[in-house]
Amino acid sequence: MRRFKLVICRGPECGGNRGSAALYDVFHDALARNGAQEHTEVAWQSCFGRCTQGPNVLVREILTSQPMPTLGSGFATVPGPRGATALYNHMDAQRAERVVTEHVRKGQIVRDFIERPGIHPNDPAAVRTKDS
């Protein structure tokens, strides 16, 4: 059975301004509904440096030869094998449910929740740049 670690950003932008604190319970509930709580840990990270795209959540597969990280360690661990790790952006309850059902349960990255680093096209700063 695959094991995963979900790391939620709780930096000042994601946590204070974008409500990432609620995602912790949302992910726990989604994992329970999908029978995935036994093999998935949810932890915090202080910041991923992608604040304009937050809240951000890193989903990382843990190889079976690795021990399960200490619960609540709060540090992102070294990424897993290629294709098993994704940093999801603009996370909310609906996206969390889909990440659990597709990535954690089926091992398929939800690519439409991943943005390239930089300013999101809907960010007001991007609109000002285009119109300038």
Protein backbone atom coordinates (compact mmCIF):
# COMPACT_ATOMS: atom_id res chain seq x y z
CA MET A 1 0.00 0.00 0.00
CA ARG A 2 1.26 3.48 -0.87
CA ARG A 3 2.01 5.89 1.96
CA PHE A 4 1.88 9.67 1.71
CA LYS A 5 2.76 12.80 3.61
CA LEU A 6 0.65 15.91 3.02
CA VAL A 7 2.38 19.12 4.08
CA ILE A 8 0.20 22.21 4.37
CA CYS A 9 1.72 25.70 4.24
CA ARG A 10 0.87 27.79 7.26
CA GLY A 11 3.08 30.77 6.54
CA PRO A 12 1.76 34.26 7.25
CA GLU A 13 0.18 34.64 3.81
CA CYS A 14 -1.31 31.14 3.41
CA GLY A 15 -2.21 30.73 7.06
CA GLY A 16 -3.24 34.23 8.07
CA ASN A 17 -4.66 35.64 4.86
CA ARG A 18 -5.71 32.59 2.84
CA GLY A 19 -7.08 30.28 5.53
CA SER A 20 -4.79 27.27 5.29
CA ALA A 21 -5.46 26.36 8.93
CA ALA A 22 -8.89 24.99 7.92
CA LEU A 23 -7.23 22.68 5.36
CA TYR A 24 -5.76 20.53 8.11
CA ASP A 25 -9.21 19.34 9.21
CA VAL A 26 -10.48 19.23 5.62
CA PHE A 27 -7.69 16.82 4.65
CA HIS A 28 -8.20 14.67 7.76
CA ASP A 29 -11.92 14.39 6.94
CA ALA A 30 -11.26 13.59 3.26
CA LEU A 31 -8.67 10.95 4.22
CA ALA A 32 -11.14 9.35 6.65
CA ARG A 33 -13.96 9.31 4.05
CA ASN A 34 -11.63 7.65 1.56
CA GLY A 35 -10.10 5.13 3.97
CA ALA A 36 -6.65 6.66 3.56
CA GLN A 37 -5.91 8.00 7.06
CA GLU A 38 -3.95 4.88 8.08
CA HIS A 39 -1.26 5.42 5.46
CA THR A 40 -1.20 9.22 5.21
CA GLU A 41 0.28 11.82 7.54
CA VAL A 42 -0.77 15.48 7.52
CA ALA A 43 1.82 18.02 8.69
CA TRP A 44 2.64 21.74 8.54
CA GLN A 45 5.37 23.70 6.76
CA SER A 46 6.16 27.29 7.64
CA CYS A 47 6.35 28.51 4.01
CA PHE A 48 6.92 27.14 0.51
CA GLY A 49 7.77 30.56 -0.93
CA ARG A 50 4.80 30.48 -3.33
CA CYS A 51 2.60 32.88 -1.35
CA THR A 52 0.67 34.35 -4.31
CA GLN A 53 -0.43 30.81 -5.19
CA GLY A 54 -1.50 29.71 -1.70
CA PRO A 55 -2.68 27.97 0.19
CA ASN A 56 -0.15 25.43 -1.01
CA VAL A 57 -0.04 21.74 -0.13
CA LEU A 58 2.83 19.35 -0.88
CA VAL A 59 1.81 15.73 -1.41
CA ARG A 60 4.72 13.36 -1.26
CA GLU A 61 4.78 9.60 -1.56
CA ILE A 62 6.86 7.90 1.12
CA LEU A 63 8.81 4.95 -0.15
CA THR A 64 8.11 1.74 1.76
CA SER A 65 11.76 1.48 2.82
CA GLN A 66 11.53 4.86 4.60
CA PRO A 67 10.17 5.06 8.14
CA MET A 68 6.96 7.07 8.53
CA PRO A 69 8.04 10.60 9.54
CA THR A 70 7.27 11.82 13.04
CA LEU A 71 3.70 13.13 13.12
CA GLY A 72 3.50 16.91 13.14
CA SER A 73 7.19 17.44 12.46
CA GLY A 74 6.30 20.45 10.33
CA PHE A 75 9.23 20.07 7.94
CA ALA A 76 8.96 19.12 4.30
CA THR A 77 11.06 16.05 3.66
CA VAL A 78 13.18 15.26 0.64
CA PRO A 79 10.93 14.69 -2.40
CA GLY A 80 10.03 11.16 -3.37
CA PRO A 81 10.56 9.51 -6.74
CA ARG A 82 9.74 11.43 -9.91
CA GLY A 83 6.01 11.58 -10.47
CA ALA A 84 5.06 10.83 -6.86
CA THR A 85 5.40 14.37 -5.47
CA ALA A 86 3.35 17.48 -6.28
CA LEU A 87 2.98 20.98 -4.84
CA TYR A 88 -0.67 21.94 -5.23
CA ASN A 89 -1.74 25.59 -5.33
CA HIS A 90 -4.88 27.54 -4.38
CA MET A 91 -6.11 24.66 -2.25
CA ASP A 92 -9.61 24.59 -0.78
CA ALA A 93 -12.02 21.89 0.44
CA GLN A 94 -13.10 20.78 -3.06
CA ARG A 95 -9.53 20.56 -4.30
CA ALA A 96 -8.47 18.70 -1.15
CA GLU A 97 -11.13 16.04 -1.77
CA ARG A 98 -9.94 15.57 -5.35
CA VAL A 99 -6.27 15.38 -4.30
CA VAL A 100 -7.14 12.64 -1.80
CA THR A 101 -9.29 10.64 -4.23
CA GLU A 102 -6.94 10.95 -7.20
CA HIS A 103 -3.40 11.40 -5.84
CA VAL A 104 -3.49 9.58 -2.50
CA ARG A 105 -5.95 6.82 -3.48
CA LYS A 106 -5.03 6.31 -7.16
CA GLY A 107 -1.47 7.67 -7.34
CA GLN A 108 -2.38 10.17 -10.08
CA ILE A 109 -1.16 13.75 -9.76
CA VAL A 110 -3.94 16.33 -10.26
CA ARG A 111 -2.04 18.46 -12.76
CA ASP A 112 -4.68 21.16 -13.11
CA PHE A 113 -4.04 22.19 -9.46
CA ILE A 114 -0.34 22.86 -10.12
CA GLU A 115 0.87 26.24 -11.34
CA ARG A 116 4.28 27.32 -12.47
CA PRO A 117 6.10 29.59 -10.01
CA GLY A 118 5.32 33.26 -10.42
CA ILE A 119 2.31 35.48 -10.44
CA HIS A 120 -1.04 33.80 -10.97
CA PRO A 121 -2.81 35.14 -14.11
CA ASN A 122 -5.79 36.26 -11.99
CA ASP A 123 -3.60 38.11 -9.48
CA PRO A 124 -4.27 41.89 -9.64
CA ALA A 125 -0.52 42.48 -10.06
CA ALA A 126 -0.55 40.43 -13.27
CA VAL A 127 -3.51 42.37 -14.64
CA ARG A 128 -1.76 45.69 -13.93
CA THR A 129 1.37 44.40 -15.68
CA LYS A 130 -0.56 43.38 -18.81
CA ASP A 131 -2.48 46.66 -18.97
CA SER A 132 0.56 48.88 -18.35
